[in-house]
Amino acid sequence: MENQSSPPPESESPPSPSTVTKAVDIPLHRVGFLIDELTPTKVSGRLPITEICCQPFRVLHGGVSALVAEGLASVGAHMAGGLKRVAGIHLSINHVKSAHLGDLVYAEATPFSVGRTLQVWDVHLWKVDPSTMKKKSLVSSSRVTLMCNMPVPEYATDAAEIEPSLVNELEPTILKLFKLDDRNNTK
């Protein structure tokens, strides 16, 4: 019997991190964040520090660090909660060291607690060496609390829809990232 979930042809390349980021979190995409890993237990990526995410002194704006923290925690909680609606209800962030214009920042969100109605995620941002991706220094440390399994309001029933032009390009990758393609497979 042939496996119905065959891998994509080798000539087909997966969508870029920029395309994935745009599909799951437009504000993160707009500041230049690139999602590299997307699972229910870890969401990570990188942010090149450009003028768009700096304050006037050419260092990473604290609000951008907070945006990254809540964005990654929300995407992770959404996945960990079975793709149900989530909403951040508390964000605590400590800015430890600055990242300067031209630096590369790596961000990682992992769950601290995953419950049926509340989730708590830890998010850390580090400056990294771009050639090795080795962490150099902690930029910020955050904890995000999210309410889970929330109803979708009538006025927002289309909120989960992905931009139509991206659907065909992203569908196989998003299904794999969200592990939805494994729901119908048995081993």
C-alpha atoms as a PDB file:
ATOM      1  CA  MET A   1       0.000   0.000   0.000  1.00  0.00           C
ATOM      2  CA  GLU A   2       1.399   3.386  -1.017  1.00  0.00           C
ATOM      3  CA  ASN A   3       1.885   6.039   1.665  1.00  0.00           C
ATOM      4  CA  GLN A   4      -0.649   8.795   0.940  1.00  0.00           C
ATOM      5  CA  SER A   5       1.496  11.451   2.608  1.00  0.00           C
ATOM      6  CA  SER A   6       4.468  11.421   0.254  1.00  0.00           C
ATOM      7  CA  PRO A   7       7.139  14.095   0.612  1.00  0.00           C
ATOM      8  CA  PRO A   8       7.118  16.974  -1.867  1.00  0.00           C
ATOM      9  CA  PRO A   9       9.222  16.540  -5.000  1.00  0.00           C
ATOM     10  CA  GLU A  10      12.867  17.464  -4.443  1.00  0.00           C
ATOM     11  CA  SER A  11      12.599  20.312  -6.943  1.00  0.00           C
ATOM     12  CA  GLU A  12       9.961  21.956  -4.730  1.00  0.00           C
ATOM     13  CA  SER A  13      11.602  24.130  -2.100  1.00  0.00           C
ATOM     14  CA  PRO A  14       9.855  25.126   1.114  1.00  0.00           C
ATOM     15  CA  PRO A  15       8.677  28.725   1.536  1.00  0.00           C
ATOM     16  CA  SER A  16      11.255  31.169   2.851  1.00  0.00           C
ATOM     17  CA  PRO A  17      11.292  32.211   6.531  1.00  0.00           C
ATOM     18  CA  SER A  18       9.994  35.616   5.386  1.00  0.00           C
ATOM     19  CA  THR A  19       6.977  34.013   3.678  1.00  0.00           C
ATOM     20  CA  VAL A  20       6.205  31.871   6.733  1.00  0.00           C
ATOM     21  CA  THR A  21       6.500  34.888   9.059  1.00  0.00           C
ATOM     22  CA  LYS A  22       4.177  36.939   6.844  1.00  0.00           C
ATOM     23  CA  ALA A  23       1.614  34.121   6.877  1.00  0.00           C
ATOM     24  CA  VAL A  24       1.532  33.730  10.662  1.00  0.00           C
ATOM     25  CA  ASP A  25       2.304  37.236  12.043  1.00  0.00           C
ATOM     26  CA  ILE A  26       2.251  40.317   9.824  1.00  0.00           C
ATOM     27  CA  PRO A  27       3.609  42.776  12.462  1.00  0.00           C
ATOM     28  CA  LEU A  28       6.663  40.537  13.001  1.00  0.00           C
ATOM     29  CA  HIS A  29       7.129  40.344   9.234  1.00  0.00           C
ATOM     30  CA  ARG A  30       6.954  44.144   8.925  1.00  0.00           C
ATOM     31  CA  VAL A  31       9.819  44.716  11.377  1.00  0.00           C
ATOM     32  CA  GLY A  32      11.942  42.157   9.501  1.00  0.00           C
ATOM     33  CA  PHE A  33      11.627  39.145  11.821  1.00  0.00           C
ATOM     34  CA  LEU A  34      12.218  35.733  10.199  1.00  0.00           C
ATOM     35  CA  ILE A  35      10.658  32.611  11.761  1.00  0.00           C
ATOM     36  CA  ASP A  36      13.017  29.636  11.470  1.00  0.00           C
ATOM     37  CA  GLU A  37      11.325  27.054  13.714  1.00  0.00           C
ATOM     38  CA  LEU A  38       7.628  26.704  14.432  1.00  0.00           C
ATOM     39  CA  THR A  39       6.388  23.903  16.708  1.00  0.00           C
ATOM     40  CA  PRO A  40       4.011  23.672  19.695  1.00  0.00           C
ATOM     41  CA  THR A  41       7.064  23.481  21.998  1.00  0.00           C
ATOM     42  CA  LYS A  42       9.390  26.036  20.402  1.00  0.00           C
ATOM     43  CA  VAL A  43       9.115  29.069  18.150  1.00  0.00           C
ATOM     44  CA  SER A  44      12.369  30.708  17.112  1.00  0.00           C
ATOM     45  CA  GLY A  45      13.815  33.027  14.534  1.00  0.00           C
ATOM     46  CA  ARG A  46      16.052  35.978  13.903  1.00  0.00           C
ATOM     47  CA  LEU A  47      15.813  39.729  13.608  1.00  0.00           C
ATOM     48  CA  PRO A  48      18.428  41.731  11.714  1.00  0.00           C
ATOM     49  CA  ILE A  49      18.612  45.064  13.542  1.00  0.00           C
ATOM     50  CA  THR A  50      17.773  47.688  10.919  1.00  0.00           C
ATOM     51  CA  GLU A  51      16.650  51.303  11.214  1.00  0.00           C
ATOM     52  CA  ILE A  52      12.987  50.207  11.145  1.00  0.00           C
ATOM     53  CA  CYS A  53      13.330  48.516  14.568  1.00  0.00           C
ATOM     54  CA  CYS A  54      15.692  51.019  16.227  1.00  0.00           C
ATOM     55  CA  GLN A  55      15.087  53.991  18.461  1.00  0.00           C
ATOM     56  CA  PRO A  56      16.846  57.304  17.575  1.00  0.00           C
ATOM     57  CA  PHE A  57      20.066  56.183  19.320  1.00  0.00           C
ATOM     58  CA  ARG A  58      20.386  53.280  16.840  1.00  0.00           C
ATOM     59  CA  VAL A  59      19.673  50.530  19.330  1.00  0.00           C
ATOM     60  CA  LEU A  60      16.841  47.993  19.267  1.00  0.00           C
ATOM     61  CA  HIS A  61      13.620  49.639  20.455  1.00  0.00           C
ATOM     62  CA  GLY A  62      12.233  47.995  23.604  1.00  0.00           C
ATOM     63  CA  GLY A  63       8.777  47.951  22.052  1.00  0.00           C
ATOM     64  CA  VAL A  64      10.099  45.810  19.209  1.00  0.00           C
ATOM     65  CA  SER A  65      11.527  43.346  21.750  1.00  0.00           C
ATOM     66  CA  ALA A  66       8.067  43.237  23.366  1.00  0.00           C
ATOM     67  CA  LEU A  67       6.425  42.738  19.950  1.00  0.00           C
ATOM     68  CA  VAL A  68       8.742  39.794  19.246  1.00  0.00           C
ATOM     69  CA  ALA A  69       8.056  38.291  22.688  1.00  0.00           C
ATOM     70  CA  GLU A  70       4.274  38.492  22.436  1.00  0.00           C
ATOM     71  CA  GLY A  71       4.259  37.484  18.768  1.00  0.00           C
ATOM     72  CA  LEU A  72       6.325  34.320  19.246  1.00  0.00           C
ATOM     73  CA  ALA A  73       4.495  33.335  22.439  1.00  0.00           C
ATOM     74  CA  SER A  74       1.117  33.858  20.748  1.00  0.00           C
ATOM     75  CA  VAL A  75       2.020  31.746  17.715  1.00  0.00           C
ATOM     76  CA  GLY A  76       3.396  29.003  19.972  1.00  0.00           C
ATOM     77  CA  ALA A  77       0.356  29.077  22.267  1.00  0.00           C
ATOM     78  CA  HIS A  78      -1.955  28.962  19.259  1.00  0.00           C
ATOM     79  CA  MET A  79      -0.193  25.798  18.066  1.00  0.00           C
ATOM     80  CA  ALA A  80       0.081  24.209  21.523  1.00  0.00           C
ATOM     81  CA  GLY A  81      -3.610  24.907  22.122  1.00  0.00           C
ATOM     82  CA  GLY A  82      -4.771  23.023  19.041  1.00  0.00           C
ATOM     83  CA  LEU A  83      -4.985  26.075  16.752  1.00  0.00           C
ATOM     84  CA  LYS A  84      -7.616  27.767  18.920  1.00  0.00           C
ATOM     85  CA  ARG A  85      -7.804  31.528  19.494  1.00  0.00           C
ATOM     86  CA  VAL A  86      -5.414  32.914  22.121  1.00  0.00           C
ATOM     87  CA  ALA A  87      -4.891  36.383  23.581  1.00  0.00           C
ATOM     88  CA  GLY A  88      -1.997  37.775  25.563  1.00  0.00           C
ATOM     89  CA  ILE A  89      -3.112  38.991  28.978  1.00  0.00           C
ATOM     90  CA  HIS A  90       0.242  39.787  30.601  1.00  0.00           C
ATOM     91  CA  LEU A  91       3.740  40.571  29.362  1.00  0.00           C
ATOM     92  CA  SER A  92       6.728  41.069  31.621  1.00  0.00           C
ATOM     93  CA  ILE A  93      10.013  41.976  29.947  1.00  0.00           C
ATOM     94  CA  ASN A  94      13.487  42.772  31.222  1.00  0.00           C
ATOM     95  CA  HIS A  95      15.833  44.583  28.845  1.00  0.00           C
ATOM     96  CA  VAL A  96      19.285  43.350  29.839  1.00  0.00           C
ATOM     97  CA  LYS A  97      21.637  44.585  27.129  1.00  0.00           C
ATOM     98  CA  SER A  98      21.264  46.662  23.977  1.00  0.00           C
ATOM     99  CA  ALA A  99      21.449  45.405  20.415  1.00  0.00           C
ATOM    100  CA  HIS A 100      22.788  47.948  17.942  1.00  0.00           C
ATOM    101  CA  LEU A 101      22.020  48.802  14.349  1.00  0.00           C
ATOM    102  CA  GLY A 102      23.604  46.041  12.237  1.00  0.00           C
ATOM    103  CA  ASP A 103      23.480  43.360  14.960  1.00  0.00           C
ATOM    104  CA  LEU A 104      21.622  40.078  14.493  1.00  0.00           C
ATOM    105  CA  VAL A 105      19.260  38.980  17.269  1.00  0.00           C
ATOM    106  CA  TYR A 106      18.045  35.393  17.763  1.00  0.00           C
ATOM    107  CA  ALA A 107      14.738  34.913  19.617  1.00  0.00           C
ATOM    108  CA  GLU A 108      13.343  31.745  21.149  1.00  0.00           C
ATOM    109  CA  ALA A 109       9.973  31.120  22.811  1.00  0.00           C
ATOM    110  CA  THR A 110       9.280  27.971  24.838  1.00  0.00           C
ATOM    111  CA  PRO A 111       6.294  27.049  27.003  1.00  0.00           C
ATOM    112  CA  PHE A 112       6.664  27.262  30.767  1.00  0.00           C
ATOM    113  CA  SER A 113       3.125  25.999  31.377  1.00  0.00           C
ATOM    114  CA  VAL A 114       0.495  24.795  28.910  1.00  0.00           C
ATOM    115  CA  GLY A 115      -2.960  24.521  30.407  1.00  0.00           C
ATOM    116  CA  ARG A 116      -6.408  24.260  28.930  1.00  0.00           C
ATOM    117  CA  THR A 117      -7.312  27.919  29.606  1.00  0.00           C
ATOM    118  CA  LEU A 118      -3.957  29.599  30.326  1.00  0.00           C
ATOM    119  CA  GLN A 119      -0.466  29.227  28.913  1.00  0.00           C
ATOM    120  CA  VAL A 120       2.761  30.872  30.059  1.00  0.00           C
ATOM    121  CA  TRP A 121       5.701  31.200  27.659  1.00  0.00           C
ATOM    122  CA  ASP A 122       9.294  32.302  28.227  1.00  0.00           C
ATOM    123  CA  VAL A 123      10.919  34.316  25.453  1.00  0.00           C
ATOM    124  CA  HIS A 124      14.611  35.218  25.250  1.00  0.00           C
ATOM    125  CA  LEU A 125      16.421  37.427  22.743  1.00  0.00           C
ATOM    126  CA  TRP A 126      20.197  37.132  22.268  1.00  0.00           C
ATOM    127  CA  LYS A 127      22.727  38.937  20.124  1.00  0.00           C
ATOM    128  CA  VAL A 128      24.392  36.305  17.954  1.00  0.00           C
ATOM    129  CA  ASP A 129      27.422  35.969  15.744  1.00  0.00           C
ATOM    130  CA  PRO A 130      25.860  35.915  12.233  1.00  0.00           C
ATOM    131  CA  SER A 131      28.487  33.513  10.849  1.00  0.00           C
ATOM    132  CA  THR A 132      27.948  30.821  13.517  1.00  0.00           C
ATOM    133  CA  MET A 133      24.601  31.796  15.118  1.00  0.00           C
ATOM    134  CA  LYS A 134      26.404  31.314  18.465  1.00  0.00           C
ATOM    135  CA  LYS A 135      24.684  33.252  21.249  1.00  0.00           C
ATOM    136  CA  LYS A 136      26.837  36.127  22.501  1.00  0.00           C
ATOM    137  CA  SER A 137      24.771  38.068  25.034  1.00  0.00           C
ATOM    138  CA  LEU A 138      21.219  38.166  26.364  1.00  0.00           C
ATOM    139  CA  VAL A 139      19.284  41.205  25.107  1.00  0.00           C
ATOM    140  CA  SER A 140      15.953  40.599  26.853  1.00  0.00           C
ATOM    141  CA  SER A 141      14.053  38.038  28.864  1.00  0.00           C
ATOM    142  CA  SER A 142      10.254  37.917  28.850  1.00  0.00           C
ATOM    143  CA  ARG A 143       7.362  35.962  30.248  1.00  0.00           C
ATOM    144  CA  VAL A 144       4.039  36.065  28.400  1.00  0.00           C
ATOM    145  CA  THR A 145       0.732  34.817  29.842  1.00  0.00           C
ATOM    146  CA  LEU A 146      -1.994  33.966  27.337  1.00  0.00           C
ATOM    147  CA  MET A 147      -5.657  33.076  27.648  1.00  0.00           C
ATOM    148  CA  CYS A 148      -6.456  30.035  25.468  1.00  0.00           C
ATOM    149  CA  ASN A 149      -9.411  28.283  23.818  1.00  0.00           C
ATOM    150  CA  MET A 150     -11.241  31.558  23.376  1.00  0.00           C
ATOM    151  CA  PRO A 151     -14.314  31.880  21.146  1.00  0.00           C
ATOM    152  CA  VAL A 152     -13.892  33.746  17.886  1.00  0.00           C
ATOM    153  CA  PRO A 153     -16.151  36.829  17.768  1.00  0.00           C
ATOM    154  CA  GLU A 154     -18.647  36.957  14.892  1.00  0.00           C
ATOM    155  CA  TYR A 155     -17.002  40.055  13.407  1.00  0.00           C
ATOM    156  CA  ALA A 156     -13.652  38.221  13.163  1.00  0.00           C
ATOM    157  CA  THR A 157     -14.568  34.818  11.756  1.00  0.00           C
ATOM    158  CA  ASP A 158     -12.223  35.392   8.813  1.00  0.00           C
ATOM    159  CA  ALA A 159      -9.272  36.375  11.038  1.00  0.00           C
ATOM    160  CA  ALA A 160      -7.596  32.998  10.633  1.00  0.00           C
ATOM    161  CA  GLU A 161      -7.674  33.117   6.841  1.00  0.00           C
ATOM    162  CA  ILE A 162      -4.318  33.345   5.120  1.00  0.00           C
ATOM    163  CA  GLU A 163      -3.927  35.775   2.233  1.00  0.00           C
ATOM    164  CA  PRO A 164      -5.278  33.871  -0.822  1.00  0.00           C
ATOM    165  CA  SER A 165      -2.129  34.347  -2.895  1.00  0.00           C
ATOM    166  CA  LEU A 166      -0.118  32.543  -0.204  1.00  0.00           C
ATOM    167  CA  VAL A 167      -2.448  29.587   0.350  1.00  0.00           C
ATOM    168  CA  ASN A 168      -1.240  27.397  -2.520  1.00  0.00           C
ATOM    169  CA  GLU A 169       2.398  28.208  -1.836  1.00  0.00           C
ATOM    170  CA  LEU A 170       2.208  27.721   1.927  1.00  0.00           C
ATOM    171  CA  GLU A 171      -0.389  25.012   2.507  1.00  0.00           C
ATOM    172  CA  PRO A 172       1.950  21.957   2.485  1.00  0.00           C
ATOM    173  CA  THR A 173       4.520  23.714   4.681  1.00  0.00           C
ATOM    174  CA  ILE A 174       2.000  25.152   7.155  1.00  0.00           C
ATOM    175  CA  LEU A 175       0.347  21.730   7.475  1.00  0.00           C
ATOM    176  CA  LYS A 176       3.745  20.183   8.232  1.00  0.00           C
ATOM    177  CA  LEU A 177       4.735  22.990  10.607  1.00  0.00           C
ATOM    178  CA  PHE A 178       1.456  22.673  12.464  1.00  0.00           C
ATOM    179  CA  LYS A 179       1.700  18.866  12.168  1.00  0.00           C
ATOM    180  CA  LEU A 180      -1.821  18.763  10.740  1.00  0.00           C
ATOM    181  CA  ASP A 181      -0.798  16.432   7.931  1.00  0.00           C
ATOM    182  CA  ASP A 182      -0.128  13.680  10.505  1.00  0.00           C
ATOM    183  CA  ARG A 183      -3.711  13.631  11.838  1.00  0.00           C
ATOM    184  CA  ASN A 184      -4.953  11.234   9.166  1.00  0.00           C
ATOM    185  CA  ASN A 185      -1.855   9.037   9.009  1.00  0.00           C
ATOM    186  CA  THR A 186      -1.569   5.851  11.003  1.00  0.00           C
ATOM    187  CA  LYS A 187       1.605   3.851  11.491  1.00  0.00           C
END
